[in-house]
Structures are given as structure tokens and as C-alpha cells.
Amino acid sequence: MRTMTLHEVASLTLPIGIVCVGCLRRVLRTAEQIGAAEGDHRTLEQAGVRCGRCRAQRFDVFCFDTERSVRAFMKSEPS
């Protein structure tokens, strides 16, 4: 599981992918949606990011370098 800080998320140009460990829900979130800001070194967990379906706070995080990889991430959604 990759741990990211809000500072890292704020520096990205593409959204991050989040997969809940509990229910396997996949979502894309932008820095703005998460409230990420440069200089904020809290992890996503410390910032209170939770699964919108089951409310779990255990998830895997994915970073993308192309729009194509973002689309591929969402196409593989199991639910």
C-alpha cells in the first residue's frame, strides 16, 4: 500500500486512483477534491480520506502519468 501526503497529491496534474481494501471500490480524486495543498505533509489517512461506500480508511493509492492509464484504472472496476 502506497502512503501519500497531501503535498504529493497537490503536485500531481492527474487525479489519483484509490481502491478501498474493504469493498474494492475504485474512485478517482483530484487534489482539489481531497483538499490537498502544497506544504501539507499529512497522509491521506491522517487527513481523513475514507471510502464513500463502506467508510473504511484502508486503501491503495495509484498515481498515473497518462490519461490512458487513468481510463484503464477505471475500466477494471470489479463492482
C-alpha atoms as a PDB file:
ATOM      1  CA  MET A   1       0.000   0.000   0.000  1.00  0.00           C
ATOM      2  CA  ARG A   2       1.425   3.360  -1.049  1.00  0.00           C
ATOM      3  CA  THR A   3       1.168   6.136   1.505  1.00  0.00           C
ATOM      4  CA  MET A   4       0.932   9.601   0.013  1.00  0.00           C
ATOM      5  CA  THR A   5       0.914  13.003   1.595  1.00  0.00           C
ATOM      6  CA  LEU A   6      -1.405  15.822   0.639  1.00  0.00           C
ATOM      7  CA  HIS A   7       1.693  17.706  -0.514  1.00  0.00           C
ATOM      8  CA  GLU A   8       2.459  14.940  -3.029  1.00  0.00           C
ATOM      9  CA  VAL A   9      -1.125  14.853  -4.276  1.00  0.00           C
ATOM     10  CA  ALA A  10      -1.130  18.647  -4.715  1.00  0.00           C
ATOM     11  CA  SER A  11       1.840  18.407  -7.071  1.00  0.00           C
ATOM     12  CA  LEU A  12       0.142  15.961  -9.464  1.00  0.00           C
ATOM     13  CA  THR A  13      -1.515  17.027 -12.700  1.00  0.00           C
ATOM     14  CA  LEU A  14      -3.755  13.957 -12.992  1.00  0.00           C
ATOM     15  CA  PRO A  15      -6.134  12.575 -10.360  1.00  0.00           C
ATOM     16  CA  ILE A  16      -5.069   9.750  -8.082  1.00  0.00           C
ATOM     17  CA  GLY A  17      -6.784   6.380  -8.091  1.00  0.00           C
ATOM     18  CA  ILE A  18      -7.980   4.982  -4.796  1.00  0.00           C
ATOM     19  CA  VAL A  19      -9.055   1.359  -4.247  1.00  0.00           C
ATOM     20  CA  CYS A  20     -10.725   0.509  -0.942  1.00  0.00           C
ATOM     21  CA  VAL A  21      -9.189  -2.570   0.648  1.00  0.00           C
ATOM     22  CA  GLY A  22     -12.516  -3.466   2.270  1.00  0.00           C
ATOM     23  CA  CYS A  23     -15.066  -3.286  -0.562  1.00  0.00           C
ATOM     24  CA  LEU A  24     -12.763  -2.841  -3.601  1.00  0.00           C
ATOM     25  CA  ARG A  25     -14.497   0.361  -4.739  1.00  0.00           C
ATOM     26  CA  ARG A  26     -12.384   2.369  -7.200  1.00  0.00           C
ATOM     27  CA  VAL A  27     -12.526   6.142  -7.457  1.00  0.00           C
ATOM     28  CA  LEU A  28     -10.545   8.971  -8.970  1.00  0.00           C
ATOM     29  CA  ARG A  29      -9.907  12.038  -6.855  1.00  0.00           C
ATOM     30  CA  THR A  30      -8.260  15.326  -7.736  1.00  0.00           C
ATOM     31  CA  ALA A  31      -6.130  17.349  -5.348  1.00  0.00           C
ATOM     32  CA  GLU A  32      -8.987  19.828  -5.014  1.00  0.00           C
ATOM     33  CA  GLN A  33     -11.493  17.115  -4.099  1.00  0.00           C
ATOM     34  CA  ILE A  34      -9.212  15.834  -1.359  1.00  0.00           C
ATOM     35  CA  GLY A  35      -8.271  19.299  -0.113  1.00  0.00           C
ATOM     36  CA  ALA A  36      -4.589  18.770  -0.858  1.00  0.00           C
ATOM     37  CA  ALA A  37      -2.221  21.708  -0.551  1.00  0.00           C
ATOM     38  CA  GLU A  38       1.485  22.181  -1.027  1.00  0.00           C
ATOM     39  CA  GLY A  39       3.275  22.042   2.304  1.00  0.00           C
ATOM     40  CA  ASP A  40       0.632  19.820   3.948  1.00  0.00           C
ATOM     41  CA  HIS A  41       2.551  16.675   4.860  1.00  0.00           C
ATOM     42  CA  ARG A  42      -0.312  14.733   6.419  1.00  0.00           C
ATOM     43  CA  THR A  43      -1.005  11.368   4.824  1.00  0.00           C
ATOM     44  CA  LEU A  44      -4.351  10.755   3.169  1.00  0.00           C
ATOM     45  CA  GLU A  45      -5.333   8.652   6.170  1.00  0.00           C
ATOM     46  CA  GLN A  46      -4.376  11.422   8.606  1.00  0.00           C
ATOM     47  CA  ALA A  47      -6.428  13.875   6.538  1.00  0.00           C
ATOM     48  CA  GLY A  48      -9.499  11.670   6.982  1.00  0.00           C
ATOM     49  CA  VAL A  49      -9.882  10.237   3.472  1.00  0.00           C
ATOM     50  CA  ARG A  50     -12.419   7.392   3.645  1.00  0.00           C
ATOM     51  CA  CYS A  51     -14.263   5.069   1.296  1.00  0.00           C
ATOM     52  CA  GLY A  52     -17.571   6.608   0.268  1.00  0.00           C
ATOM     53  CA  ARG A  53     -19.245   3.203   0.238  1.00  0.00           C
ATOM     54  CA  CYS A  54     -18.085   1.333   3.354  1.00  0.00           C
ATOM     55  CA  ARG A  55     -16.347   4.220   5.209  1.00  0.00           C
ATOM     56  CA  ALA A  56     -13.112   2.207   5.588  1.00  0.00           C
ATOM     57  CA  GLN A  57      -9.851   4.102   5.856  1.00  0.00           C
ATOM     58  CA  ARG A  58      -7.635   1.387   4.345  1.00  0.00           C
ATOM     59  CA  PHE A  59      -6.950   1.806   0.658  1.00  0.00           C
ATOM     60  CA  ASP A  60      -4.361   1.505  -2.074  1.00  0.00           C
ATOM     61  CA  VAL A  61      -3.359   4.632  -3.964  1.00  0.00           C
ATOM     62  CA  PHE A  62      -2.312   4.805  -7.603  1.00  0.00           C
ATOM     63  CA  CYS A  63      -0.581   7.635  -9.450  1.00  0.00           C
ATOM     64  CA  PHE A  64      -0.879   7.985 -13.207  1.00  0.00           C
ATOM     65  CA  ASP A  65       1.331   9.503 -15.849  1.00  0.00           C
ATOM     66  CA  THR A  66      -1.114   9.414 -18.774  1.00  0.00           C
ATOM     67  CA  GLU A  67      -4.847   9.944 -19.335  1.00  0.00           C
ATOM     68  CA  ARG A  68      -4.901   6.469 -20.858  1.00  0.00           C
ATOM     69  CA  SER A  69      -3.716   4.889 -17.612  1.00  0.00           C
ATOM     70  CA  VAL A  70      -6.456   6.785 -15.730  1.00  0.00           C
ATOM     71  CA  ARG A  71      -9.114   5.343 -18.069  1.00  0.00           C
ATOM     72  CA  ALA A  72      -7.633   1.843 -17.784  1.00  0.00           C
ATOM     73  CA  PHE A  73      -7.762   2.072 -13.993  1.00  0.00           C
ATOM     74  CA  MET A  74     -11.482   2.824 -14.036  1.00  0.00           C
ATOM     75  CA  LYS A  75     -12.308   0.208 -16.694  1.00  0.00           C
ATOM     76  CA  SER A  76     -11.017  -2.529 -14.413  1.00  0.00           C
ATOM     77  CA  GLU A  77     -13.563  -1.708 -11.707  1.00  0.00           C
ATOM     78  CA  PRO A  78     -14.799  -5.004 -10.206  1.00  0.00           C
ATOM     79  CA  SER A  79     -18.123  -3.748  -8.833  1.00  0.00           C
END
